[in-house]
Amino acid sequence: MKLGNIDITIYILSDSMELEESLNSVPRIEGTEYRIRTVSTCDDIQYEKESIVILISTSLEDIERCREIEDKCYRYYPVYIENITEEREIPDFIAALWPKEESREARNFRIKKLIKLIKTEVYEWVYNTYLYATIDNIPELVWVKDKKGAHILVNKTFARTVHKEREDIEGRGHYYIWDISPEEYESGEFVCNESEDEVMTAKKTLVFEEPVKTKDGMMHFITYKSPIFDKHNDVIGTVGVAHNVTDFSYMHQ
């Protein structure tokens, strides 16, 4: 999937146009559009709720005065330029700390790295939003596990089925989530351990019919499980989609 260009406005709080002229020479990064403006005060900064704003200043006080932008726009990245030679606390909301004295090439390198970081963060948010919007509108149970069996993410149907909040599920194992005893989990009965191992060994999608012991009693699922690979083609976990066929389990007796 290819997203549209990310639109960024870079404001420089300064009486000099030197930095703007330097940054304007930086080649545009694929997937982004940005404009650079030198302004005298925070009042000159224009933004909307969807704006991505980079603010560059040598004055920490001015950056503090402009901080109201953070709550009114989509993303706000304050950059503080200062040669700090002694112990001094830098506020956590500062996105980047640049030295006052450096070459034009070094300064341009820094803005490129910051824009690439912003692009990554925005893309991550968008992809996560698309992912959860998709899986939360599926009536089946959906989950992702790491190799050890910890749940990385689940959808709303999964959370409702186990009567837990999603935040309480993620990072936890089967016996906690499904309210079974550690002894039952270790025995492997009704916990799907073998099918997870089969999928990771086969390195392909497999389909199972699995009985699962839950807080509401036994349930039966038709489960589709697939391995997840890293960039080296090594298995790092599994994704599962389970269709609840408990009402029709009598057909298999």
C-alpha atoms as a PDB file:
ATOM      1  CA  MET A   1       0.000   0.000   0.000  1.00  0.00           C
ATOM      2  CA  LYS A   2       1.318   3.441  -0.907  1.00  0.00           C
ATOM      3  CA  LEU A   3       0.286   6.417   1.190  1.00  0.00           C
ATOM      4  CA  GLY A   4       0.024   9.970  -0.091  1.00  0.00           C
ATOM      5  CA  ASN A   5       2.777  12.457   0.609  1.00  0.00           C
ATOM      6  CA  ILE A   6       3.172  13.665   4.190  1.00  0.00           C
ATOM      7  CA  ASP A   7       2.864  17.454   4.362  1.00  0.00           C
ATOM      8  CA  ILE A   8       5.277  19.154   6.796  1.00  0.00           C
ATOM      9  CA  THR A   9       5.808  22.825   7.599  1.00  0.00           C
ATOM     10  CA  ILE A  10       9.188  23.850   9.036  1.00  0.00           C
ATOM     11  CA  TYR A  11       9.200  27.115  10.986  1.00  0.00           C
ATOM     12  CA  ILE A  12      12.447  28.796  11.977  1.00  0.00           C
ATOM     13  CA  LEU A  13      12.187  31.351  14.791  1.00  0.00           C
ATOM     14  CA  SER A  14      14.910  33.774  13.755  1.00  0.00           C
ATOM     15  CA  ASP A  15      15.718  37.217  12.373  1.00  0.00           C
ATOM     16  CA  SER A  16      18.065  35.679   9.815  1.00  0.00           C
ATOM     17  CA  MET A  17      17.207  33.861   6.574  1.00  0.00           C
ATOM     18  CA  GLU A  18      20.481  31.923   6.565  1.00  0.00           C
ATOM     19  CA  LEU A  19      19.139  28.649   7.951  1.00  0.00           C
ATOM     20  CA  GLU A  20      16.091  28.740   5.677  1.00  0.00           C
ATOM     21  CA  GLU A  21      18.311  29.188   2.630  1.00  0.00           C
ATOM     22  CA  SER A  22      20.454  26.261   3.720  1.00  0.00           C
ATOM     23  CA  LEU A  23      17.553  23.900   4.396  1.00  0.00           C
ATOM     24  CA  ASN A  24      15.859  24.813   1.129  1.00  0.00           C
ATOM     25  CA  SER A  25      18.811  23.242  -0.672  1.00  0.00           C
ATOM     26  CA  VAL A  26      18.008  19.818   0.817  1.00  0.00           C
ATOM     27  CA  PRO A  27      16.523  17.446  -1.809  1.00  0.00           C
ATOM     28  CA  ARG A  28      12.949  16.474  -1.007  1.00  0.00           C
ATOM     29  CA  ILE A  29      12.556  13.047   0.575  1.00  0.00           C
ATOM     30  CA  GLU A  30      10.250  10.614  -1.216  1.00  0.00           C
ATOM     31  CA  GLY A  31       6.811  10.468   0.351  1.00  0.00           C
ATOM     32  CA  THR A  32       7.030  13.965   1.866  1.00  0.00           C
ATOM     33  CA  GLU A  33       6.245  17.517   0.934  1.00  0.00           C
ATOM     34  CA  TYR A  34       7.530  20.350   3.112  1.00  0.00           C
ATOM     35  CA  ARG A  35       7.884  24.101   3.110  1.00  0.00           C
ATOM     36  CA  ILE A  36      10.250  26.221   5.188  1.00  0.00           C
ATOM     37  CA  ARG A  37       9.363  29.596   6.669  1.00  0.00           C
ATOM     38  CA  THR A  38      11.353  31.968   8.868  1.00  0.00           C
ATOM     39  CA  VAL A  39       9.158  33.812  11.396  1.00  0.00           C
ATOM     40  CA  SER A  40       9.722  36.310  14.190  1.00  0.00           C
ATOM     41  CA  THR A  41       7.243  35.091  16.814  1.00  0.00           C
ATOM     42  CA  CYS A  42       4.980  32.177  17.650  1.00  0.00           C
ATOM     43  CA  ASP A  43       2.020  34.275  16.469  1.00  0.00           C
ATOM     44  CA  ASP A  44       3.325  33.957  12.915  1.00  0.00           C
ATOM     45  CA  ILE A  45       3.023  30.163  12.965  1.00  0.00           C
ATOM     46  CA  GLN A  46      -0.025  28.889  11.090  1.00  0.00           C
ATOM     47  CA  TYR A  47      -1.373  25.402  11.609  1.00  0.00           C
ATOM     48  CA  GLU A  48      -4.501  23.273  11.576  1.00  0.00           C
ATOM     49  CA  LYS A  49      -5.448  20.138  13.465  1.00  0.00           C
ATOM     50  CA  GLU A  50      -3.951  17.983  10.684  1.00  0.00           C
ATOM     51  CA  SER A  51      -0.691  19.959  10.489  1.00  0.00           C
ATOM     52  CA  ILE A  52       2.760  18.502  11.066  1.00  0.00           C
ATOM     53  CA  VAL A  53       4.980  21.281  12.399  1.00  0.00           C
ATOM     54  CA  ILE A  54       8.736  21.415  12.953  1.00  0.00           C
ATOM     55  CA  LEU A  55       9.805  24.441  14.994  1.00  0.00           C
ATOM     56  CA  ILE A  56      13.502  25.362  15.049  1.00  0.00           C
ATOM     57  CA  SER A  57      14.839  27.934  17.503  1.00  0.00           C
ATOM     58  CA  THR A  58      17.931  28.908  19.501  1.00  0.00           C
ATOM     59  CA  SER A  59      15.685  30.059  22.339  1.00  0.00           C
ATOM     60  CA  LEU A  60      14.287  27.479  24.727  1.00  0.00           C
ATOM     61  CA  GLU A  61      11.985  30.171  26.119  1.00  0.00           C
ATOM     62  CA  ASP A  62      10.469  30.780  22.673  1.00  0.00           C
ATOM     63  CA  ILE A  63       9.994  27.050  22.199  1.00  0.00           C
ATOM     64  CA  GLU A  64       8.196  26.917  25.546  1.00  0.00           C
ATOM     65  CA  ARG A  65       5.943  29.820  24.514  1.00  0.00           C
ATOM     66  CA  CYS A  66       5.012  28.008  21.308  1.00  0.00           C
ATOM     67  CA  ARG A  67       4.249  24.745  23.059  1.00  0.00           C
ATOM     68  CA  GLU A  68       0.480  25.249  22.845  1.00  0.00           C
ATOM     69  CA  ILE A  69       0.858  24.114  19.228  1.00  0.00           C
ATOM     70  CA  GLU A  70       1.461  20.575  20.495  1.00  0.00           C
ATOM     71  CA  ASP A  71      -2.157  20.085  21.597  1.00  0.00           C
ATOM     72  CA  LYS A  72      -3.706  21.771  18.563  1.00  0.00           C
ATOM     73  CA  CYS A  73      -1.985  20.107  15.609  1.00  0.00           C
ATOM     74  CA  TYR A  74      -1.405  16.529  14.486  1.00  0.00           C
ATOM     75  CA  ARG A  75       2.353  16.385  15.163  1.00  0.00           C
ATOM     76  CA  TYR A  76       4.761  18.890  16.685  1.00  0.00           C
ATOM     77  CA  TYR A  77       8.543  18.576  16.650  1.00  0.00           C
ATOM     78  CA  PRO A  78      10.461  21.364  18.435  1.00  0.00           C
ATOM     79  CA  VAL A  79      14.196  21.553  17.583  1.00  0.00           C
ATOM     80  CA  TYR A  80      16.484  23.395  19.988  1.00  0.00           C
ATOM     81  CA  ILE A  81      19.791  24.773  18.690  1.00  0.00           C
ATOM     82  CA  GLU A  82      22.350  25.305  21.438  1.00  0.00           C
ATOM     83  CA  ASN A  83      25.938  24.494  22.373  1.00  0.00           C
ATOM     84  CA  ILE A  84      25.484  22.966  25.816  1.00  0.00           C
ATOM     85  CA  THR A  85      28.821  22.653  27.599  1.00  0.00           C
ATOM     86  CA  GLU A  86      27.573  22.161  31.159  1.00  0.00           C
ATOM     87  CA  GLU A  87      25.033  20.020  32.955  1.00  0.00           C
ATOM     88  CA  ARG A  88      21.608  21.245  31.955  1.00  0.00           C
ATOM     89  CA  GLU A  89      18.267  19.482  31.811  1.00  0.00           C
ATOM     90  CA  ILE A  90      16.669  19.402  28.385  1.00  0.00           C
ATOM     91  CA  PRO A  91      12.858  19.080  28.445  1.00  0.00           C
ATOM     92  CA  ASP A  92      11.556  15.746  27.186  1.00  0.00           C
ATOM     93  CA  PHE A  93       9.268  17.401  24.660  1.00  0.00           C
ATOM     94  CA  ILE A  94      12.271  18.617  22.646  1.00  0.00           C
ATOM     95  CA  ALA A  95      12.390  16.428  19.522  1.00  0.00           C
ATOM     96  CA  ALA A  96      16.002  17.177  18.561  1.00  0.00           C
ATOM     97  CA  LEU A  97      19.014  19.028  19.938  1.00  0.00           C
ATOM     98  CA  TRP A  98      21.338  20.578  17.344  1.00  0.00           C
ATOM     99  CA  PRO A  99      24.687  22.307  18.003  1.00  0.00           C
ATOM    100  CA  LYS A 100      24.993  26.003  17.123  1.00  0.00           C
ATOM    101  CA  GLU A 101      28.193  25.592  15.199  1.00  0.00           C
ATOM    102  CA  GLU A 102      28.372  22.986  12.437  1.00  0.00           C
ATOM    103  CA  SER A 103      28.761  22.785   8.692  1.00  0.00           C
ATOM    104  CA  ARG A 104      25.959  23.381   6.229  1.00  0.00           C
ATOM    105  CA  GLU A 105      26.181  19.735   5.196  1.00  0.00           C
ATOM    106  CA  ALA A 106      25.811  18.545   8.795  1.00  0.00           C
ATOM    107  CA  ARG A 107      22.791  20.794   9.368  1.00  0.00           C
ATOM    108  CA  ASN A 108      21.121  19.574   6.191  1.00  0.00           C
ATOM    109  CA  PHE A 109      21.847  15.980   7.198  1.00  0.00           C
ATOM    110  CA  ARG A 110      20.055  16.537  10.512  1.00  0.00           C
ATOM    111  CA  ILE A 111      16.887  17.894   8.910  1.00  0.00           C
ATOM    112  CA  LYS A 112      16.786  14.951   6.490  1.00  0.00           C
ATOM    113  CA  LYS A 113      17.067  12.467   9.373  1.00  0.00           C
ATOM    114  CA  LEU A 114      14.329  14.263  11.308  1.00  0.00           C
ATOM    115  CA  ILE A 115      11.975  14.274   8.315  1.00  0.00           C
ATOM    116  CA  LYS A 116      12.631  10.560   7.744  1.00  0.00           C
ATOM    117  CA  LEU A 117      11.809   9.919  11.421  1.00  0.00           C
ATOM    118  CA  ILE A 118       8.564  11.876  11.112  1.00  0.00           C
ATOM    119  CA  LYS A 119       7.637   9.938   7.977  1.00  0.00           C
ATOM    120  CA  THR A 120       8.252   6.645   9.798  1.00  0.00           C
ATOM    121  CA  GLU A 121       6.181   7.679  12.821  1.00  0.00           C
ATOM    122  CA  VAL A 122       3.261   8.885  10.707  1.00  0.00           C
ATOM    123  CA  TYR A 123       3.307   5.762   8.538  1.00  0.00           C
ATOM    124  CA  GLU A 124       3.407   3.579  11.656  1.00  0.00           C
ATOM    125  CA  TRP A 125       0.367   5.341  13.114  1.00  0.00           C
ATOM    126  CA  VAL A 126      -1.576   5.101   9.850  1.00  0.00           C
ATOM    127  CA  TYR A 127      -0.769   1.418   9.300  1.00  0.00           C
ATOM    128  CA  ASN A 128      -1.701   0.565  12.897  1.00  0.00           C
ATOM    129  CA  THR A 129      -4.957   2.472  12.500  1.00  0.00           C
ATOM    130  CA  TYR A 130      -5.766   0.593   9.279  1.00  0.00           C
ATOM    131  CA  LEU A 131      -4.842  -2.717  10.901  1.00  0.00           C
ATOM    132  CA  TYR A 132      -7.049  -2.320  13.969  1.00  0.00           C
ATOM    133  CA  ALA A 133      -9.926  -0.830  11.964  1.00  0.00           C
ATOM    134  CA  THR A 134      -9.814  -3.970   9.801  1.00  0.00           C
ATOM    135  CA  ILE A 135      -9.487  -6.681  12.431  1.00  0.00           C
ATOM    136  CA  ASP A 136     -11.957  -5.040  14.810  1.00  0.00           C
ATOM    137  CA  ASN A 137     -14.664  -5.270  12.133  1.00  0.00           C
ATOM    138  CA  ILE A 138     -14.176  -9.027  11.709  1.00  0.00           C
ATOM    139  CA  PRO A 139     -16.580 -11.306  13.660  1.00  0.00           C
ATOM    140  CA  GLU A 140     -13.888 -14.002  13.996  1.00  0.00           C
ATOM    141  CA  LEU A 141     -11.214 -14.024  16.690  1.00  0.00           C
ATOM    142  CA  VAL A 142      -7.916 -12.585  15.419  1.00  0.00           C
ATOM    143  CA  TRP A 143      -4.568 -12.617  17.188  1.00  0.00           C
ATOM    144  CA  VAL A 144      -0.828 -12.419  16.671  1.00  0.00           C
ATOM    145  CA  LYS A 145       1.637 -14.318  18.870  1.00  0.00           C
ATOM    146  CA  ASP A 146       5.403 -14.323  19.185  1.00  0.00           C
ATOM    147  CA  LYS A 147       7.403 -17.558  19.068  1.00  0.00           C
ATOM    148  CA  LYS A 148       6.994 -18.084  22.817  1.00  0.00           C
ATOM    149  CA  GLY A 149       3.207 -17.823  22.644  1.00  0.00           C
ATOM    150  CA  ALA A 150       2.766 -14.310  24.052  1.00  0.00           C
ATOM    151  CA  HIS A 151      -0.069 -12.401  22.405  1.00  0.00           C
ATOM    152  CA  ILE A 152       1.229  -9.325  20.587  1.00  0.00           C
ATOM    153  CA  LEU A 153      -2.193  -8.067  19.511  1.00  0.00           C
ATOM    154  CA  VAL A 154      -5.807  -9.257  19.448  1.00  0.00           C
ATOM    155  CA  ASN A 155      -9.029  -7.904  18.010  1.00  0.00           C
ATOM    156  CA  LYS A 156     -12.167  -6.835  19.880  1.00  0.00           C
ATOM    157  CA  THR A 157     -13.940 -10.140  19.211  1.00  0.00           C
ATOM    158  CA  PHE A 158     -11.094 -11.992  20.883  1.00  0.00           C
ATOM    159  CA  ALA A 159     -11.190  -9.652  23.890  1.00  0.00           C
ATOM    160  CA  ARG A 160     -14.964 -10.045  24.268  1.00  0.00           C
ATOM    161  CA  THR A 161     -14.695 -13.822  24.041  1.00  0.00           C
ATOM    162  CA  VAL A 162     -12.228 -14.041  26.936  1.00  0.00           C
ATOM    163  CA  HIS A 163     -13.949 -11.279  28.963  1.00  0.00           C
ATOM    164  CA  LYS A 164     -10.816  -9.133  29.244  1.00  0.00           C
ATOM    165  CA  GLU A 165      -9.611  -5.744  28.111  1.00  0.00           C
ATOM    166  CA  ARG A 166      -7.314  -5.803  25.107  1.00  0.00           C
ATOM    167  CA  GLU A 167      -4.575  -4.014  27.044  1.00  0.00           C
ATOM    168  CA  ASP A 168      -4.708  -6.759  29.684  1.00  0.00           C
ATOM    169  CA  ILE A 169      -4.300  -9.501  27.066  1.00  0.00           C
ATOM    170  CA  GLU A 170      -1.382  -8.239  25.031  1.00  0.00           C
ATOM    171  CA  GLY A 171       1.925  -9.679  26.213  1.00  0.00           C
ATOM    172  CA  ARG A 172       0.252 -12.507  28.139  1.00  0.00           C
ATOM    173  CA  GLY A 173       0.079 -16.264  27.535  1.00  0.00           C
ATOM    174  CA  HIS A 174      -2.764 -18.689  26.909  1.00  0.00           C
ATOM    175  CA  TYR A 175      -3.551 -19.922  30.409  1.00  0.00           C
ATOM    176  CA  TYR A 176      -3.914 -16.409  31.834  1.00  0.00           C
ATOM    177  CA  ILE A 177      -6.026 -15.176  28.925  1.00  0.00           C
ATOM    178  CA  TRP A 178      -8.345 -18.179  28.815  1.00  0.00           C
ATOM    179  CA  ASP A 179      -8.489 -18.666  32.608  1.00  0.00           C
ATOM    180  CA  ILE A 180      -7.100 -22.182  32.756  1.00  0.00           C
ATOM    181  CA  SER A 181      -4.695 -23.520  35.343  1.00  0.00           C
ATOM    182  CA  PRO A 182      -0.918 -23.661  34.778  1.00  0.00           C
ATOM    183  CA  GLU A 183      -1.160 -27.445  35.088  1.00  0.00           C
ATOM    184  CA  GLU A 184      -3.666 -27.678  32.235  1.00  0.00           C
ATOM    185  CA  TYR A 185      -1.491 -25.384  30.160  1.00  0.00           C
ATOM    186  CA  GLU A 186       1.619 -27.485  30.762  1.00  0.00           C
ATOM    187  CA  SER A 187      -0.255 -30.655  29.808  1.00  0.00           C
ATOM    188  CA  GLY A 188      -1.200 -29.036  26.507  1.00  0.00           C
ATOM    189  CA  GLU A 189      -4.856 -30.016  26.835  1.00  0.00           C
ATOM    190  CA  PHE A 190      -7.224 -27.579  25.125  1.00  0.00           C
ATOM    191  CA  VAL A 191      -4.503 -24.922  24.632  1.00  0.00           C
ATOM    192  CA  CYS A 192      -3.458 -25.342  20.967  1.00  0.00           C
ATOM    193  CA  ASN A 193       0.267 -25.692  21.684  1.00  0.00           C
ATOM    194  CA  GLU A 194       0.845 -28.405  19.088  1.00  0.00           C
ATOM    195  CA  SER A 195      -0.845 -26.513  16.262  1.00  0.00           C
ATOM    196  CA  GLU A 196       1.323 -23.431  16.886  1.00  0.00           C
ATOM    197  CA  ASP A 197       4.443 -25.596  16.654  1.00  0.00           C
ATOM    198  CA  GLU A 198       3.151 -27.287  13.486  1.00  0.00           C
ATOM    199  CA  VAL A 199       2.635 -23.962  11.744  1.00  0.00           C
ATOM    200  CA  MET A 200       6.097 -22.672  12.669  1.00  0.00           C
ATOM    201  CA  THR A 201       7.686 -25.917  11.526  1.00  0.00           C
ATOM    202  CA  ALA A 202       5.700 -26.172   8.282  1.00  0.00           C
ATOM    203  CA  LYS A 203       6.214 -22.465   7.526  1.00  0.00           C
ATOM    204  CA  LYS A 204       2.831 -22.265   5.829  1.00  0.00           C
ATOM    205  CA  THR A 205      -0.830 -21.707   6.625  1.00  0.00           C
ATOM    206  CA  LEU A 206      -2.584 -24.669   8.262  1.00  0.00           C
ATOM    207  CA  VAL A 207      -6.218 -25.187   9.260  1.00  0.00           C
ATOM    208  CA  PHE A 208      -7.262 -26.851  12.531  1.00  0.00           C
ATOM    209  CA  GLU A 209     -10.391 -27.743  14.408  1.00  0.00           C
ATOM    210  CA  GLU A 210      -9.580 -27.008  18.027  1.00  0.00           C
ATOM    211  CA  PRO A 211     -11.472 -27.384  21.306  1.00  0.00           C
ATOM    212  CA  VAL A 212     -10.580 -24.580  23.719  1.00  0.00           C
ATOM    213  CA  LYS A 213     -11.423 -24.445  27.408  1.00  0.00           C
ATOM    214  CA  THR A 214     -12.781 -21.017  28.327  1.00  0.00           C
ATOM    215  CA  LYS A 215     -14.327 -19.265  31.294  1.00  0.00           C
ATOM    216  CA  ASP A 216     -17.725 -19.932  29.680  1.00  0.00           C
ATOM    217  CA  GLY A 217     -17.016 -23.618  29.111  1.00  0.00           C
ATOM    218  CA  MET A 218     -15.724 -25.561  26.125  1.00  0.00           C
ATOM    219  CA  MET A 219     -15.712 -23.900  22.735  1.00  0.00           C
ATOM    220  CA  HIS A 220     -14.842 -25.277  19.299  1.00  0.00           C
ATOM    221  CA  PHE A 221     -13.053 -23.253  16.649  1.00  0.00           C
ATOM    222  CA  ILE A 222     -12.053 -23.713  13.031  1.00  0.00           C
ATOM    223  CA  THR A 223      -8.702 -21.961  13.146  1.00  0.00           C
ATOM    224  CA  TYR A 224      -6.480 -20.682  10.348  1.00  0.00           C
ATOM    225  CA  LYS A 225      -2.904 -20.162  11.476  1.00  0.00           C
ATOM    226  CA  SER A 226      -0.013 -18.734   9.487  1.00  0.00           C
ATOM    227  CA  PRO A 227       3.654 -18.123  10.291  1.00  0.00           C
ATOM    228  CA  ILE A 228       5.103 -14.615  10.422  1.00  0.00           C
ATOM    229  CA  PHE A 229       8.596 -14.121   8.996  1.00  0.00           C
ATOM    230  CA  ASP A 230      11.306 -11.543   9.558  1.00  0.00           C
ATOM    231  CA  LYS A 231      13.386 -10.068   6.745  1.00  0.00           C
ATOM    232  CA  HIS A 232      15.720 -13.091   6.888  1.00  0.00           C
ATOM    233  CA  ASN A 233      12.761 -15.458   6.354  1.00  0.00           C
ATOM    234  CA  ASP A 234      13.016 -16.786   9.902  1.00  0.00           C
ATOM    235  CA  VAL A 235       9.750 -17.468  11.752  1.00  0.00           C
ATOM    236  CA  ILE A 236       9.157 -14.909  14.514  1.00  0.00           C
ATOM    237  CA  GLY A 237       5.571 -15.777  15.421  1.00  0.00           C
ATOM    238  CA  THR A 238       2.129 -16.697  14.157  1.00  0.00           C
ATOM    239  CA  VAL A 239      -1.134 -15.036  13.209  1.00  0.00           C
ATOM    240  CA  GLY A 240      -4.431 -16.786  13.825  1.00  0.00           C
ATOM    241  CA  VAL A 241      -8.060 -16.358  12.767  1.00  0.00           C
ATOM    242  CA  ALA A 242     -10.626 -18.523  14.539  1.00  0.00           C
ATOM    243  CA  HIS A 243     -14.249 -19.093  13.548  1.00  0.00           C
ATOM    244  CA  ASN A 244     -16.419 -20.163  16.463  1.00  0.00           C
ATOM    245  CA  VAL A 245     -18.366 -23.318  15.525  1.00  0.00           C
ATOM    246  CA  THR A 246     -19.339 -24.266  19.059  1.00  0.00           C
ATOM    247  CA  ASP A 247     -23.050 -24.348  18.181  1.00  0.00           C
ATOM    248  CA  PHE A 248     -22.332 -26.944  15.471  1.00  0.00           C
ATOM    249  CA  SER A 249     -19.893 -29.122  17.381  1.00  0.00           C
ATOM    250  CA  TYR A 250     -22.477 -31.890  17.660  1.00  0.00           C
ATOM    251  CA  MET A 251     -21.873 -32.651  13.986  1.00  0.00           C
ATOM    252  CA  HIS A 252     -18.417 -33.959  14.872  1.00  0.00           C
ATOM    253  CA  GLN A 253     -19.461 -36.231  17.764  1.00  0.00           C
END
